[in-house]
Amino acid sequence: MSSNTPGPEQGPYDPQANPYAAPPPPAQPPAQPPQYPGADYPAAPPVYPGVAGMPMQLSNGMGTAALVCGIVGLVCGITYFLWVFAVILGILAIIFGAIGKGKVSRGEANNGGSATAGLVCGIIGMVLPAIYLAALDAAVDSVF
């Protein structure tokens, strides 16, 4: 056999290939005319606010404020000497609860239970001092 006989081609991982030889140049892509970026894609549809994209953020602050004011007003209403704070916090709880319930009905919030609980606690917190004052008035009238 002579050495000039064509044999199998040597691949890049052939152990008998020259490890120090320069690698073959990469294949060049065919030349194309310059295009605008994204010229192959159709135009995107217009985006309208609130319709698509990010969902609207819920605002649960009024319902939470109604619940906090209602609970604190109820505790102040139970303790007789803090009746002034109970009335003030009860009024705030009723206002915040009504606003919170309105937001829930419009879909702007999702804590309708907190708003309702704050509304109820605010009403009870305002009624308790009225009952205490009526009982105190009746007790004073019966003594004198």
C-alpha atoms as a PDB file:
ATOM      1  CA  MET A   1       0.000   0.000   0.000  1.00  0.00           C
ATOM      2  CA  SER A   2       1.239   3.352  -0.812  1.00  0.00           C
ATOM      3  CA  SER A   3       0.820   6.500   1.193  1.00  0.00           C
ATOM      4  CA  ASN A   4      -0.789   8.318  -1.734  1.00  0.00           C
ATOM      5  CA  THR A   5      -3.905   6.194  -1.557  1.00  0.00           C
ATOM      6  CA  PRO A   6      -6.907   8.232  -0.512  1.00  0.00           C
ATOM      7  CA  GLY A   7      -8.232   7.086   2.833  1.00  0.00           C
ATOM      8  CA  PRO A   8     -10.911   8.291   5.156  1.00  0.00           C
ATOM      9  CA  GLU A   9     -10.848  11.997   5.890  1.00  0.00           C
ATOM     10  CA  GLN A  10      -9.521  13.066   9.236  1.00  0.00           C
ATOM     11  CA  GLY A  11     -12.024  14.831  11.493  1.00  0.00           C
ATOM     12  CA  PRO A  12     -11.241  17.517  14.060  1.00  0.00           C
ATOM     13  CA  TYR A  13     -11.201  14.941  16.857  1.00  0.00           C
ATOM     14  CA  ASP A  14      -9.044  12.419  15.057  1.00  0.00           C
ATOM     15  CA  PRO A  15      -6.072  11.516  17.301  1.00  0.00           C
ATOM     16  CA  GLN A  16      -3.802  11.311  14.280  1.00  0.00           C
ATOM     17  CA  ALA A  17      -4.608  14.863  13.135  1.00  0.00           C
ATOM     18  CA  ASN A  18      -2.142  17.641  13.814  1.00  0.00           C
ATOM     19  CA  PRO A  19      -3.223  19.264  17.121  1.00  0.00           C
ATOM     20  CA  TYR A  20      -1.295  22.425  16.295  1.00  0.00           C
ATOM     21  CA  ALA A  21      -2.840  23.052  12.901  1.00  0.00           C
ATOM     22  CA  ALA A  22      -5.066  26.113  12.457  1.00  0.00           C
ATOM     23  CA  PRO A  23      -8.784  25.315  12.522  1.00  0.00           C
ATOM     24  CA  PRO A  24     -10.680  25.803   9.274  1.00  0.00           C
ATOM     25  CA  PRO A  25     -12.406  29.187   8.933  1.00  0.00           C
ATOM     26  CA  PRO A  26     -16.132  29.277   9.792  1.00  0.00           C
ATOM     27  CA  ALA A  27     -18.618  29.275   6.969  1.00  0.00           C
ATOM     28  CA  GLN A  28     -19.774  32.762   5.993  1.00  0.00           C
ATOM     29  CA  PRO A  29     -23.525  33.409   5.864  1.00  0.00           C
ATOM     30  CA  PRO A  30     -24.858  34.589   2.507  1.00  0.00           C
ATOM     31  CA  ALA A  31     -24.883  38.353   2.089  1.00  0.00           C
ATOM     32  CA  GLN A  32     -28.330  39.964   2.497  1.00  0.00           C
ATOM     33  CA  PRO A  33     -29.421  43.525   1.845  1.00  0.00           C
ATOM     34  CA  PRO A  34     -29.828  45.637   5.026  1.00  0.00           C
ATOM     35  CA  GLN A  35     -33.353  45.690   6.485  1.00  0.00           C
ATOM     36  CA  TYR A  36     -35.110  47.615   9.174  1.00  0.00           C
ATOM     37  CA  PRO A  37     -35.171  45.838  12.545  1.00  0.00           C
ATOM     38  CA  GLY A  38     -38.327  43.780  12.883  1.00  0.00           C
ATOM     39  CA  ALA A  39     -39.313  44.258   9.230  1.00  0.00           C
ATOM     40  CA  ASP A  40     -40.392  40.608   9.049  1.00  0.00           C
ATOM     41  CA  TYR A  41     -42.932  40.950  11.891  1.00  0.00           C
ATOM     42  CA  PRO A  42     -46.371  42.604  11.773  1.00  0.00           C
ATOM     43  CA  ALA A  43     -47.009  45.736  13.789  1.00  0.00           C
ATOM     44  CA  ALA A  44     -48.180  45.254  17.392  1.00  0.00           C
ATOM     45  CA  PRO A  45     -51.775  46.170  18.202  1.00  0.00           C
ATOM     46  CA  PRO A  46     -52.291  49.339  20.259  1.00  0.00           C
ATOM     47  CA  VAL A  47     -52.330  48.946  24.039  1.00  0.00           C
ATOM     48  CA  TYR A  48     -55.185  50.591  25.909  1.00  0.00           C
ATOM     49  CA  PRO A  49     -54.677  51.332  29.621  1.00  0.00           C
ATOM     50  CA  GLY A  50     -56.589  49.023  31.908  1.00  0.00           C
ATOM     51  CA  VAL A  51     -57.592  46.587  29.143  1.00  0.00           C
ATOM     52  CA  ALA A  52     -54.496  44.465  28.725  1.00  0.00           C
ATOM     53  CA  GLY A  53     -51.095  44.316  30.302  1.00  0.00           C
ATOM     54  CA  MET A  54     -50.689  44.713  34.033  1.00  0.00           C
ATOM     55  CA  PRO A  55     -53.781  44.185  36.190  1.00  0.00           C
ATOM     56  CA  MET A  56     -55.137  47.083  38.204  1.00  0.00           C
ATOM     57  CA  GLN A  57     -53.729  47.315  41.734  1.00  0.00           C
ATOM     58  CA  LEU A  58     -56.277  46.773  44.489  1.00  0.00           C
ATOM     59  CA  SER A  59     -56.635  49.456  47.152  1.00  0.00           C
ATOM     60  CA  ASN A  60     -57.710  47.794  50.386  1.00  0.00           C
ATOM     61  CA  GLY A  61     -56.711  50.677  52.647  1.00  0.00           C
ATOM     62  CA  MET A  62     -60.198  51.979  53.437  1.00  0.00           C
ATOM     63  CA  GLY A  63     -61.517  48.603  54.558  1.00  0.00           C
ATOM     64  CA  THR A  64     -58.450  48.023  56.719  1.00  0.00           C
ATOM     65  CA  ALA A  65     -58.689  51.523  58.222  1.00  0.00           C
ATOM     66  CA  ALA A  66     -62.384  50.926  58.979  1.00  0.00           C
ATOM     67  CA  LEU A  67     -61.555  47.664  60.746  1.00  0.00           C
ATOM     68  CA  VAL A  68     -58.769  49.216  62.838  1.00  0.00           C
ATOM     69  CA  CYS A  69     -60.828  52.280  63.790  1.00  0.00           C
ATOM     70  CA  GLY A  70     -63.845  50.092  64.535  1.00  0.00           C
ATOM     71  CA  ILE A  71     -61.955  47.707  66.826  1.00  0.00           C
ATOM     72  CA  VAL A  72     -60.171  50.499  68.706  1.00  0.00           C
ATOM     73  CA  GLY A  73     -63.454  52.446  68.932  1.00  0.00           C
ATOM     74  CA  LEU A  74     -65.217  49.350  70.280  1.00  0.00           C
ATOM     75  CA  VAL A  75     -62.558  48.867  72.956  1.00  0.00           C
ATOM     76  CA  CYS A  76     -62.793  52.548  73.874  1.00  0.00           C
ATOM     77  CA  GLY A  77     -66.589  52.246  73.963  1.00  0.00           C
ATOM     78  CA  ILE A  78     -66.402  49.326  76.382  1.00  0.00           C
ATOM     79  CA  THR A  79     -64.239  51.341  78.766  1.00  0.00           C
ATOM     80  CA  TYR A  80     -66.545  54.093  79.945  1.00  0.00           C
ATOM     81  CA  PHE A  81     -64.025  56.874  80.515  1.00  0.00           C
ATOM     82  CA  LEU A  82     -62.792  56.775  76.864  1.00  0.00           C
ATOM     83  CA  TRP A  83     -66.252  57.364  75.375  1.00  0.00           C
ATOM     84  CA  VAL A  84     -65.135  60.495  73.501  1.00  0.00           C
ATOM     85  CA  PHE A  85     -62.533  58.494  71.565  1.00  0.00           C
ATOM     86  CA  ALA A  86     -65.127  55.783  70.926  1.00  0.00           C
ATOM     87  CA  VAL A  87     -67.476  58.269  69.290  1.00  0.00           C
ATOM     88  CA  ILE A  88     -64.735  59.841  67.153  1.00  0.00           C
ATOM     89  CA  LEU A  89     -63.299  56.486  66.060  1.00  0.00           C
ATOM     90  CA  GLY A  90     -66.809  55.127  65.489  1.00  0.00           C
ATOM     91  CA  ILE A  91     -67.596  57.972  63.099  1.00  0.00           C
ATOM     92  CA  LEU A  92     -64.307  57.397  61.254  1.00  0.00           C
ATOM     93  CA  ALA A  93     -64.951  53.646  61.080  1.00  0.00           C
ATOM     94  CA  ILE A  94     -68.415  54.227  59.609  1.00  0.00           C
ATOM     95  CA  ILE A  95     -67.043  56.633  56.988  1.00  0.00           C
ATOM     96  CA  PHE A  96     -64.086  54.401  56.059  1.00  0.00           C
ATOM     97  CA  GLY A  97     -66.306  51.313  56.022  1.00  0.00           C
ATOM     98  CA  ALA A  98     -68.823  52.926  53.675  1.00  0.00           C
ATOM     99  CA  ILE A  99     -66.053  54.057  51.314  1.00  0.00           C
ATOM    100  CA  GLY A 100     -64.439  50.607  51.505  1.00  0.00           C
ATOM    101  CA  LYS A 101     -67.742  48.873  50.682  1.00  0.00           C
ATOM    102  CA  GLY A 102     -68.147  51.196  47.704  1.00  0.00           C
ATOM    103  CA  LYS A 103     -64.684  50.258  46.434  1.00  0.00           C
ATOM    104  CA  VAL A 104     -65.501  46.570  46.806  1.00  0.00           C
ATOM    105  CA  SER A 105     -68.704  46.969  44.797  1.00  0.00           C
ATOM    106  CA  ARG A 106     -66.752  48.760  42.016  1.00  0.00           C
ATOM    107  CA  GLY A 107     -64.077  46.042  42.007  1.00  0.00           C
ATOM    108  CA  GLU A 108     -61.285  48.319  43.222  1.00  0.00           C
ATOM    109  CA  ALA A 109     -60.812  46.341  46.464  1.00  0.00           C
ATOM    110  CA  ASN A 110     -61.392  42.797  47.654  1.00  0.00           C
ATOM    111  CA  ASN A 111     -61.711  43.132  51.439  1.00  0.00           C
ATOM    112  CA  GLY A 112     -65.445  43.594  51.794  1.00  0.00           C
ATOM    113  CA  GLY A 113     -65.451  41.573  55.015  1.00  0.00           C
ATOM    114  CA  SER A 114     -62.993  43.916  56.679  1.00  0.00           C
ATOM    115  CA  ALA A 115     -64.987  46.960  55.600  1.00  0.00           C
ATOM    116  CA  THR A 116     -68.221  45.433  56.898  1.00  0.00           C
ATOM    117  CA  ALA A 117     -66.643  44.377  60.183  1.00  0.00           C
ATOM    118  CA  GLY A 118     -65.193  47.876  60.657  1.00  0.00           C
ATOM    119  CA  LEU A 119     -68.587  49.409  59.900  1.00  0.00           C
ATOM    120  CA  VAL A 120     -70.331  47.171  62.451  1.00  0.00           C
ATOM    121  CA  CYS A 121     -67.655  47.661  65.119  1.00  0.00           C
ATOM    122  CA  GLY A 122     -67.830  51.436  64.586  1.00  0.00           C
ATOM    123  CA  ILE A 123     -71.602  51.444  65.033  1.00  0.00           C
ATOM    124  CA  ILE A 124     -71.421  49.306  68.178  1.00  0.00           C
ATOM    125  CA  GLY A 125     -68.541  51.410  69.485  1.00  0.00           C
ATOM    126  CA  MET A 126     -70.728  54.519  69.139  1.00  0.00           C
ATOM    127  CA  VAL A 127     -73.860  52.931  70.604  1.00  0.00           C
ATOM    128  CA  LEU A 128     -72.183  51.601  73.774  1.00  0.00           C
ATOM    129  CA  PRO A 129     -71.248  55.047  75.169  1.00  0.00           C
ATOM    130  CA  ALA A 130     -74.767  56.265  74.393  1.00  0.00           C
ATOM    131  CA  ILE A 131     -76.149  53.354  76.436  1.00  0.00           C
ATOM    132  CA  TYR A 132     -73.686  54.097  79.255  1.00  0.00           C
ATOM    133  CA  LEU A 133     -74.645  57.794  79.275  1.00  0.00           C
ATOM    134  CA  ALA A 134     -78.358  56.977  79.249  1.00  0.00           C
ATOM    135  CA  ALA A 135     -77.883  54.559  82.162  1.00  0.00           C
ATOM    136  CA  LEU A 136     -75.839  57.145  84.058  1.00  0.00           C
ATOM    137  CA  ASP A 137     -78.545  59.778  83.458  1.00  0.00           C
ATOM    138  CA  ALA A 138     -81.224  57.404  84.693  1.00  0.00           C
ATOM    139  CA  ALA A 139     -79.169  56.530  87.766  1.00  0.00           C
ATOM    140  CA  VAL A 140     -78.572  60.201  88.586  1.00  0.00           C
ATOM    141  CA  ASP A 141     -82.264  61.053  88.110  1.00  0.00           C
ATOM    142  CA  SER A 142     -83.342  58.212  90.401  1.00  0.00           C
ATOM    143  CA  VAL A 143     -80.967  59.272  93.161  1.00  0.00           C
ATOM    144  CA  PHE A 144     -81.834  62.961  93.139  1.00  0.00           C
END
